[in-house]
């Protein structure tokens, strides 16, 4: 198995800064870990990862995490687990940004954001192209982002 090395360059996509801490390449495919910093109201459309379990660990700020119809607020030092195949989404709540770690097992999905940046794709105008790329990462969109409430 390749040696895992911490640290990588950050990228920005759709107002969120991503930094890969461990990639599938570094862990023999076992795991991917990336840090995200998202501003208030930020978050993805509802979606399903068909091939990965996903864990969110909130480092600062607050996330509303929606998992298969159930929502809860996660603050610093709290985590949420999403089994593969489960519809989910999150959004940053409150006035401050959220910094959180996302852990995907097995790894590989962490490369999705690099592809989005490399291709210059954005939501909502490029959804057909984003959906096509998402399929290669076993990702399926199921609905809109969570609404502010």
N, C-alpha and C. Protein backbone atom coordinates (compact mmCIF):
# COMPACT_ATOMS: atom_id res chain seq x y z
N UNK A 1 0.84 -1.18 0.00
CA UNK A 1 0.00 0.00 0.00
C UNK A 1 0.89 1.24 0.00
N UNK A 2 0.56 2.26 -0.82
CA UNK A 2 1.36 3.49 -0.85
C UNK A 2 1.34 4.19 0.51
N UNK A 3 2.39 4.93 0.79
CA UNK A 3 2.47 5.70 2.02
C UNK A 3 1.52 6.87 1.95
N UNK A 4 0.74 7.09 3.01
CA UNK A 4 -0.19 8.21 3.07
C UNK A 4 0.56 9.45 3.55
N UNK A 5 0.38 10.55 2.85
CA UNK A 5 1.03 11.80 3.19
C UNK A 5 -0.04 12.85 3.39
N UNK A 6 -0.01 13.54 4.53
CA UNK A 6 -0.98 14.59 4.80
C UNK A 6 -0.66 15.82 3.97
N UNK A 7 -1.70 16.57 3.64
CA UNK A 7 -1.52 17.84 2.98
C UNK A 7 -1.70 17.75 1.48
N UNK A 8 -2.26 18.78 0.93
CA UNK A 8 -2.45 18.90 -0.51
C UNK A 8 -2.89 20.32 -0.79
N UNK A 9 -2.87 20.72 -2.03
CA UNK A 9 -3.34 22.05 -2.39
C UNK A 9 -4.85 22.11 -2.27
N UNK A 10 -5.35 23.28 -1.94
CA UNK A 10 -6.79 23.51 -1.86
C UNK A 10 -7.32 23.93 -3.22
N UNK A 11 -8.58 23.61 -3.46
CA UNK A 11 -9.28 24.08 -4.65
C UNK A 11 -10.59 24.71 -4.18
N UNK A 12 -11.15 25.57 -5.01
CA UNK A 12 -12.43 26.20 -4.70
C UNK A 12 -13.41 25.84 -5.79
N UNK A 13 -14.60 25.37 -5.40
CA UNK A 13 -15.67 25.10 -6.35
C UNK A 13 -16.99 25.53 -5.74
N UNK A 14 -17.70 26.38 -6.44
CA UNK A 14 -19.03 26.82 -6.04
C UNK A 14 -19.04 27.43 -4.63
N UNK A 15 -17.99 28.16 -4.29
CA UNK A 15 -17.93 28.84 -3.00
C UNK A 15 -17.44 28.00 -1.85
N UNK A 16 -17.09 26.76 -2.10
CA UNK A 16 -16.55 25.88 -1.05
C UNK A 16 -15.09 25.59 -1.37
N UNK A 17 -14.27 25.63 -0.34
CA UNK A 17 -12.85 25.30 -0.49
C UNK A 17 -12.66 23.85 -0.04
N UNK A 18 -12.01 23.05 -0.89
CA UNK A 18 -11.76 21.63 -0.61
C UNK A 18 -10.27 21.40 -0.53
N UNK A 19 -9.88 20.55 0.42
CA UNK A 19 -8.47 20.15 0.55
C UNK A 19 -8.43 18.67 0.86
N UNK A 20 -7.84 17.89 -0.04
CA UNK A 20 -7.74 16.45 0.17
C UNK A 20 -6.63 16.17 1.17
N UNK A 21 -6.98 15.42 2.22
CA UNK A 21 -6.01 15.02 3.24
C UNK A 21 -5.44 13.65 2.96
N UNK A 22 -6.29 12.73 2.55
CA UNK A 22 -5.87 11.39 2.13
C UNK A 22 -6.69 10.99 0.91
N UNK A 23 -6.02 10.54 -0.12
CA UNK A 23 -6.72 10.12 -1.33
C UNK A 23 -6.74 8.60 -1.44
N UNK A 24 -7.60 8.12 -2.31
CA UNK A 24 -7.64 6.68 -2.59
C UNK A 24 -6.28 6.19 -3.09
N UNK A 25 -5.59 7.02 -3.86
CA UNK A 25 -4.25 6.65 -4.35
C UNK A 25 -3.28 6.44 -3.20
N UNK A 26 -3.43 7.21 -2.13
CA UNK A 26 -2.52 7.12 -0.99
C UNK A 26 -2.88 5.99 -0.03
N UNK A 27 -4.11 5.47 -0.12
CA UNK A 27 -4.56 4.46 0.83
C UNK A 27 -4.91 3.13 0.17
N UNK A 28 -4.44 2.93 -1.04
CA UNK A 28 -4.77 1.69 -1.74
C UNK A 28 -6.26 1.55 -2.00
N UNK A 29 -6.96 2.69 -2.09
CA UNK A 29 -8.40 2.68 -2.36
C UNK A 29 -9.27 2.55 -1.13
N UNK A 30 -8.69 2.36 0.04
CA UNK A 30 -9.47 2.07 1.24
C UNK A 30 -10.32 3.24 1.71
N UNK A 31 -9.80 4.47 1.59
CA UNK A 31 -10.46 5.61 2.20
C UNK A 31 -10.05 6.88 1.48
N UNK A 32 -10.91 7.88 1.52
CA UNK A 32 -10.60 9.23 1.07
C UNK A 32 -11.07 10.19 2.14
N UNK A 33 -10.26 11.18 2.46
CA UNK A 33 -10.63 12.18 3.46
C UNK A 33 -10.36 13.56 2.87
N UNK A 34 -11.37 14.42 2.92
CA UNK A 34 -11.16 15.79 2.49
C UNK A 34 -11.81 16.76 3.46
N UNK A 35 -11.21 17.94 3.53
CA UNK A 35 -11.72 19.02 4.36
C UNK A 35 -12.49 19.97 3.45
N UNK A 36 -13.61 20.49 3.95
CA UNK A 36 -14.41 21.47 3.22
C UNK A 36 -14.67 22.66 4.12
N UNK A 37 -14.59 23.85 3.54
CA UNK A 37 -15.00 25.07 4.24
C UNK A 37 -16.06 25.72 3.36
N UNK A 38 -17.28 25.78 3.89
CA UNK A 38 -18.44 26.28 3.15
C UNK A 38 -19.06 27.45 3.91
N UNK A 39 -19.50 28.45 3.18
CA UNK A 39 -20.14 29.61 3.79
C UNK A 39 -21.58 29.35 4.18
N UNK A 40 -22.17 30.27 4.94
CA UNK A 40 -23.57 30.13 5.36
C UNK A 40 -24.50 29.84 4.18
N UNK A 41 -25.36 28.86 4.37
CA UNK A 41 -26.31 28.47 3.33
C UNK A 41 -25.75 27.49 2.32
N UNK A 42 -24.45 27.26 2.33
CA UNK A 42 -23.81 26.37 1.35
C UNK A 42 -24.15 24.92 1.59
N UNK A 43 -24.20 24.16 0.52
CA UNK A 43 -24.44 22.73 0.61
C UNK A 43 -24.86 22.18 -0.74
N UNK A 44 -24.71 20.88 -0.93
CA UNK A 44 -24.99 20.25 -2.22
C UNK A 44 -26.47 19.94 -2.40
N UNK A 45 -26.88 19.64 -3.64
CA UNK A 45 -28.21 19.08 -3.87
C UNK A 45 -28.34 17.72 -3.16
N UNK A 46 -29.55 17.30 -2.93
CA UNK A 46 -29.77 15.96 -2.37
C UNK A 46 -29.19 14.94 -3.34
N UNK A 47 -28.56 13.92 -2.78
CA UNK A 47 -27.87 12.96 -3.63
C UNK A 47 -27.67 11.63 -2.91
N UNK A 48 -27.20 10.65 -3.67
CA UNK A 48 -26.92 9.30 -3.17
C UNK A 48 -25.55 8.89 -3.68
N UNK A 49 -24.71 8.36 -2.80
CA UNK A 49 -23.46 7.71 -3.19
C UNK A 49 -23.77 6.21 -3.23
N UNK A 50 -23.72 5.63 -4.41
CA UNK A 50 -24.06 4.21 -4.55
C UNK A 50 -22.93 3.30 -4.08
N UNK A 51 -21.68 3.78 -4.07
CA UNK A 51 -20.54 2.92 -3.79
C UNK A 51 -19.78 3.25 -2.51
N UNK A 52 -20.11 4.38 -1.86
CA UNK A 52 -19.33 4.79 -0.69
C UNK A 52 -20.22 5.07 0.50
N UNK A 53 -19.73 4.70 1.68
CA UNK A 53 -20.26 5.23 2.93
C UNK A 53 -19.61 6.59 3.12
N UNK A 54 -20.32 7.52 3.78
CA UNK A 54 -19.80 8.87 3.95
C UNK A 54 -20.00 9.29 5.40
N UNK A 55 -18.95 9.85 5.99
CA UNK A 55 -19.02 10.37 7.35
C UNK A 55 -18.61 11.83 7.33
N UNK A 56 -19.40 12.67 7.98
CA UNK A 56 -19.08 14.08 8.16
C UNK A 56 -18.65 14.30 9.60
N UNK A 57 -17.55 15.01 9.79
CA UNK A 57 -17.09 15.40 11.13
C UNK A 57 -16.99 16.92 11.13
N UNK A 58 -17.83 17.59 11.92
CA UNK A 58 -17.86 19.04 11.95
C UNK A 58 -16.75 19.54 12.87
N UNK A 59 -15.92 20.41 12.32
CA UNK A 59 -14.81 21.00 13.08
C UNK A 59 -15.19 22.38 13.63
N UNK A 60 -15.93 23.17 12.84
CA UNK A 60 -16.41 24.48 13.29
C UNK A 60 -17.67 24.82 12.52
N UNK A 61 -18.45 25.71 13.08
CA UNK A 61 -19.73 26.07 12.47
C UNK A 61 -20.76 24.97 12.71
N UNK A 62 -21.85 25.06 11.96
CA UNK A 62 -22.93 24.09 12.12
C UNK A 62 -23.46 23.65 10.76
N UNK A 63 -23.79 22.37 10.68
CA UNK A 63 -24.41 21.80 9.49
C UNK A 63 -25.78 21.24 9.85
N UNK A 64 -26.77 21.53 9.02
CA UNK A 64 -28.00 20.77 9.06
C UNK A 64 -27.74 19.57 8.15
N UNK A 65 -27.80 18.38 8.70
CA UNK A 65 -27.57 17.16 7.93
C UNK A 65 -28.91 16.46 7.76
N UNK A 66 -29.28 16.25 6.50
CA UNK A 66 -30.53 15.58 6.15
C UNK A 66 -30.17 14.20 5.61
N UNK A 67 -30.67 13.16 6.28
CA UNK A 67 -30.39 11.78 5.87
C UNK A 67 -31.71 11.05 5.73
N UNK A 68 -32.07 10.74 4.49
CA UNK A 68 -33.26 9.95 4.18
C UNK A 68 -34.51 10.47 4.88
N UNK A 69 -34.72 11.80 4.81
CA UNK A 69 -35.93 12.40 5.35
C UNK A 69 -35.84 12.89 6.79
N UNK A 70 -34.72 12.67 7.45
CA UNK A 70 -34.55 13.09 8.84
C UNK A 70 -33.41 14.11 8.93
N UNK A 71 -33.67 15.22 9.62
CA UNK A 71 -32.65 16.28 9.75
C UNK A 71 -32.20 16.42 11.19
N UNK A 72 -30.94 16.82 11.33
CA UNK A 72 -30.42 17.20 12.64
C UNK A 72 -29.29 18.20 12.44
N UNK A 73 -29.04 18.98 13.47
CA UNK A 73 -27.96 19.96 13.43
C UNK A 73 -26.73 19.33 14.07
N UNK A 74 -25.60 19.41 13.37
CA UNK A 74 -24.32 18.94 13.89
C UNK A 74 -23.42 20.15 14.09
N UNK A 75 -22.89 20.27 15.29
CA UNK A 75 -21.95 21.34 15.60
C UNK A 75 -20.55 20.78 15.77
N UNK A 76 -19.63 21.62 16.23
CA UNK A 76 -18.24 21.19 16.39
C UNK A 76 -18.12 19.90 17.22
N UNK A 77 -17.24 19.03 16.78
CA UNK A 77 -16.95 17.76 17.43
C UNK A 77 -18.10 16.76 17.35
N UNK A 78 -19.03 16.99 16.42
CA UNK A 78 -20.10 16.03 16.19
C UNK A 78 -19.94 15.45 14.78
N UNK A 79 -20.53 14.27 14.59
CA UNK A 79 -20.38 13.56 13.32
C UNK A 79 -21.72 12.99 12.88
N UNK A 80 -21.82 12.74 11.58
CA UNK A 80 -22.99 12.08 11.00
C UNK A 80 -22.48 11.04 10.02
N UNK A 81 -23.13 9.89 10.02
CA UNK A 81 -22.76 8.78 9.13
C UNK A 81 -23.88 8.55 8.13
N UNK A 82 -23.51 8.39 6.86
CA UNK A 82 -24.47 8.14 5.79
C UNK A 82 -24.07 6.84 5.09
N UNK A 83 -24.84 5.77 5.26
CA UNK A 83 -24.52 4.53 4.56
C UNK A 83 -24.69 4.70 3.05
N UNK A 84 -23.88 4.01 2.28
CA UNK A 84 -24.02 4.05 0.82
C UNK A 84 -25.45 3.71 0.43
N UNK A 85 -25.92 4.33 -0.64
CA UNK A 85 -27.27 4.09 -1.13
C UNK A 85 -28.34 4.89 -0.43
N UNK A 86 -27.97 5.80 0.49
CA UNK A 86 -28.93 6.56 1.28
C UNK A 86 -29.01 8.01 0.79
N UNK A 87 -30.20 8.50 0.47
CA UNK A 87 -30.33 9.91 0.07
C UNK A 87 -29.93 10.83 1.23
N UNK A 88 -29.19 11.89 0.89
CA UNK A 88 -28.75 12.82 1.93
C UNK A 88 -28.34 14.16 1.32
N UNK A 89 -28.17 15.13 2.19
CA UNK A 89 -27.68 16.46 1.82
C UNK A 89 -27.31 17.15 3.12
N UNK A 90 -26.67 18.30 3.00
CA UNK A 90 -26.41 19.14 4.17
C UNK A 90 -26.38 20.59 3.73
N UNK A 91 -26.52 21.48 4.70
CA UNK A 91 -26.32 22.90 4.43
C UNK A 91 -25.76 23.55 5.68
N UNK A 92 -24.98 24.58 5.48
CA UNK A 92 -24.41 25.33 6.58
C UNK A 92 -25.50 26.22 7.17
N UNK A 93 -25.71 26.12 8.47
CA UNK A 93 -26.69 26.97 9.16
C UNK A 93 -25.95 27.92 10.09
N UNK A 94 -26.58 29.04 10.37
CA UNK A 94 -25.95 30.05 11.22
C UNK A 94 -25.18 31.04 10.37
N UNK A 95 -24.52 31.96 11.07
CA UNK A 95 -23.85 33.08 10.40
C UNK A 95 -22.40 32.81 10.05
N UNK A 96 -21.82 31.74 10.56
CA UNK A 96 -20.40 31.49 10.30
C UNK A 96 -20.21 30.32 9.34
N UNK A 97 -19.08 30.30 8.64
CA UNK A 97 -18.79 29.16 7.77
C UNK A 97 -18.67 27.87 8.57
N UNK A 98 -18.78 26.77 7.89
CA UNK A 98 -18.55 25.46 8.50
C UNK A 98 -17.28 24.86 7.91
N UNK A 99 -16.47 24.34 8.78
CA UNK A 99 -15.30 23.56 8.37
C UNK A 99 -15.58 22.13 8.82
N UNK A 100 -15.57 21.21 7.87
CA UNK A 100 -15.83 19.82 8.23
C UNK A 100 -14.99 18.88 7.40
N UNK A 101 -14.77 17.72 7.97
CA UNK A 101 -14.08 16.64 7.25
C UNK A 101 -15.13 15.71 6.68
N UNK A 102 -14.87 15.22 5.49
CA UNK A 102 -15.70 14.20 4.88
C UNK A 102 -14.81 12.98 4.65
N UNK A 103 -15.29 11.84 5.13
CA UNK A 103 -14.56 10.59 5.02
C UNK A 103 -15.40 9.66 4.15
N UNK A 104 -14.83 9.20 3.04
CA UNK A 104 -15.55 8.28 2.16
C UNK A 104 -14.82 6.94 2.14
N UNK A 105 -15.61 5.86 2.29
CA UNK A 105 -15.05 4.52 2.24
C UNK A 105 -15.89 3.67 1.31
N UNK A 106 -15.28 3.06 0.31
CA UNK A 106 -13.88 3.22 -0.05
C UNK A 106 -13.61 4.61 -0.61
N UNK A 107 -12.33 4.91 -0.81
CA UNK A 107 -11.94 6.21 -1.34
C UNK A 107 -12.16 6.31 -2.83
N UNK A 108 -12.00 7.53 -3.33
CA UNK A 108 -12.11 7.79 -4.76
C UNK A 108 -12.99 8.99 -5.05
N UNK A 109 -14.08 9.14 -4.29
CA UNK A 109 -14.99 10.24 -4.56
C UNK A 109 -14.33 11.60 -4.34
N UNK A 110 -13.30 11.66 -3.53
CA UNK A 110 -12.62 12.94 -3.27
C UNK A 110 -12.12 13.61 -4.55
N UNK A 111 -11.96 12.85 -5.62
CA UNK A 111 -11.51 13.41 -6.91
C UNK A 111 -12.61 14.14 -7.68
N UNK A 112 -13.87 13.94 -7.29
CA UNK A 112 -15.00 14.55 -7.99
C UNK A 112 -14.83 16.07 -8.11
N UNK A 113 -14.43 16.72 -7.04
CA UNK A 113 -14.33 18.18 -7.04
C UNK A 113 -13.20 18.67 -7.94
N UNK A 114 -12.12 17.91 -8.02
CA UNK A 114 -11.05 18.26 -8.96
C UNK A 114 -11.57 18.26 -10.40
N UNK A 115 -12.39 17.26 -10.74
CA UNK A 115 -12.94 17.18 -12.08
C UNK A 115 -13.87 18.36 -12.35
N UNK A 116 -14.68 18.72 -11.36
CA UNK A 116 -15.59 19.86 -11.53
C UNK A 116 -14.80 21.14 -11.83
N UNK A 117 -13.72 21.36 -11.07
CA UNK A 117 -12.89 22.55 -11.27
C UNK A 117 -12.18 22.48 -12.61
N UNK A 118 -11.57 21.33 -12.93
CA UNK A 118 -10.84 21.17 -14.18
C UNK A 118 -11.72 21.44 -15.40
N UNK A 119 -12.98 21.04 -15.32
CA UNK A 119 -13.90 21.21 -16.46
C UNK A 119 -14.67 22.53 -16.41
N UNK A 120 -14.51 23.30 -15.33
CA UNK A 120 -15.19 24.58 -15.22
C UNK A 120 -16.70 24.46 -15.11
N UNK A 121 -17.19 23.41 -14.46
CA UNK A 121 -18.62 23.16 -14.36
C UNK A 121 -19.21 23.83 -13.13
N UNK A 122 -20.47 24.26 -13.22
CA UNK A 122 -21.15 24.91 -12.11
C UNK A 122 -22.62 24.49 -12.07
N UNK A 123 -23.16 24.47 -10.86
CA UNK A 123 -24.58 24.20 -10.62
C UNK A 123 -25.30 25.55 -10.62
N UNK A 124 -26.45 25.74 -11.23
CA UNK A 124 -27.28 24.75 -11.92
C UNK A 124 -27.03 24.68 -13.43
N UNK A 125 -26.32 25.66 -13.99
CA UNK A 125 -26.26 25.77 -15.45
C UNK A 125 -25.63 24.57 -16.15
N UNK A 126 -24.76 23.83 -15.49
CA UNK A 126 -24.08 22.71 -16.14
C UNK A 126 -24.55 21.35 -15.62
N UNK A 127 -25.79 21.28 -15.10
CA UNK A 127 -26.24 20.02 -14.49
C UNK A 127 -26.18 18.81 -15.41
N UNK A 128 -26.49 18.92 -16.71
CA UNK A 128 -26.35 17.71 -17.55
C UNK A 128 -24.91 17.18 -17.56
N UNK A 129 -23.93 18.05 -17.68
CA UNK A 129 -22.52 17.62 -17.69
C UNK A 129 -22.11 17.13 -16.30
N UNK A 130 -22.56 17.81 -15.25
CA UNK A 130 -22.23 17.39 -13.88
C UNK A 130 -22.83 16.02 -13.59
N UNK A 131 -24.06 15.81 -14.03
CA UNK A 131 -24.72 14.51 -13.83
C UNK A 131 -23.95 13.40 -14.53
N UNK A 132 -23.46 13.67 -15.73
CA UNK A 132 -22.68 12.66 -16.47
C UNK A 132 -21.39 12.33 -15.73
N UNK A 133 -20.69 13.34 -15.23
CA UNK A 133 -19.47 13.09 -14.45
C UNK A 133 -19.82 12.35 -13.17
N UNK A 134 -20.89 12.78 -12.51
CA UNK A 134 -21.30 12.16 -11.25
C UNK A 134 -21.50 10.66 -11.40
N UNK A 135 -22.06 10.24 -12.54
CA UNK A 135 -22.29 8.81 -12.75
C UNK A 135 -20.98 8.02 -12.73
N UNK A 136 -19.90 8.62 -13.20
CA UNK A 136 -18.61 7.92 -13.18
C UNK A 136 -18.08 7.78 -11.76
N UNK A 137 -18.61 8.58 -10.83
CA UNK A 137 -18.23 8.50 -9.41
C UNK A 137 -19.32 7.81 -8.59
N UNK A 138 -20.25 7.12 -9.25
CA UNK A 138 -21.35 6.41 -8.59
C UNK A 138 -22.20 7.34 -7.73
N UNK A 139 -22.38 8.57 -8.22
CA UNK A 139 -23.16 9.60 -7.53
C UNK A 139 -24.40 9.89 -8.35
N UNK A 140 -25.53 9.96 -7.66
CA UNK A 140 -26.81 10.23 -8.32
C UNK A 140 -27.51 11.35 -7.56
N UNK A 141 -27.92 12.41 -8.29
CA UNK A 141 -28.65 13.51 -7.67
C UNK A 141 -30.12 13.13 -7.57
N UNK A 142 -30.75 13.47 -6.42
CA UNK A 142 -32.13 13.06 -6.18
C UNK A 142 -33.08 14.22 -5.90
N UNK A 143 -32.55 15.44 -5.78
CA UNK A 143 -33.42 16.57 -5.50
C UNK A 143 -32.64 17.84 -5.28
N UNK A 144 -33.33 18.90 -4.94
CA UNK A 144 -32.67 20.21 -4.77
C UNK A 144 -31.89 20.26 -3.46
N UNK A 145 -31.06 21.32 -3.32
CA UNK A 145 -30.40 21.53 -2.03
C UNK A 145 -31.44 21.76 -0.93
N UNK A 146 -31.02 21.65 0.30
CA UNK A 146 -31.91 21.94 1.42
C UNK A 146 -32.23 23.43 1.41
N UNK A 147 -33.48 23.74 1.69
CA UNK A 147 -33.91 25.14 1.71
C UNK A 147 -33.63 25.76 3.07
N UNK A 148 -33.31 27.03 3.05
CA UNK A 148 -33.16 27.75 4.32
C UNK A 148 -34.49 27.74 5.04
N UNK A 149 -34.44 27.58 6.35
CA UNK A 149 -35.72 27.52 7.04
C UNK A 149 -35.67 27.92 8.43
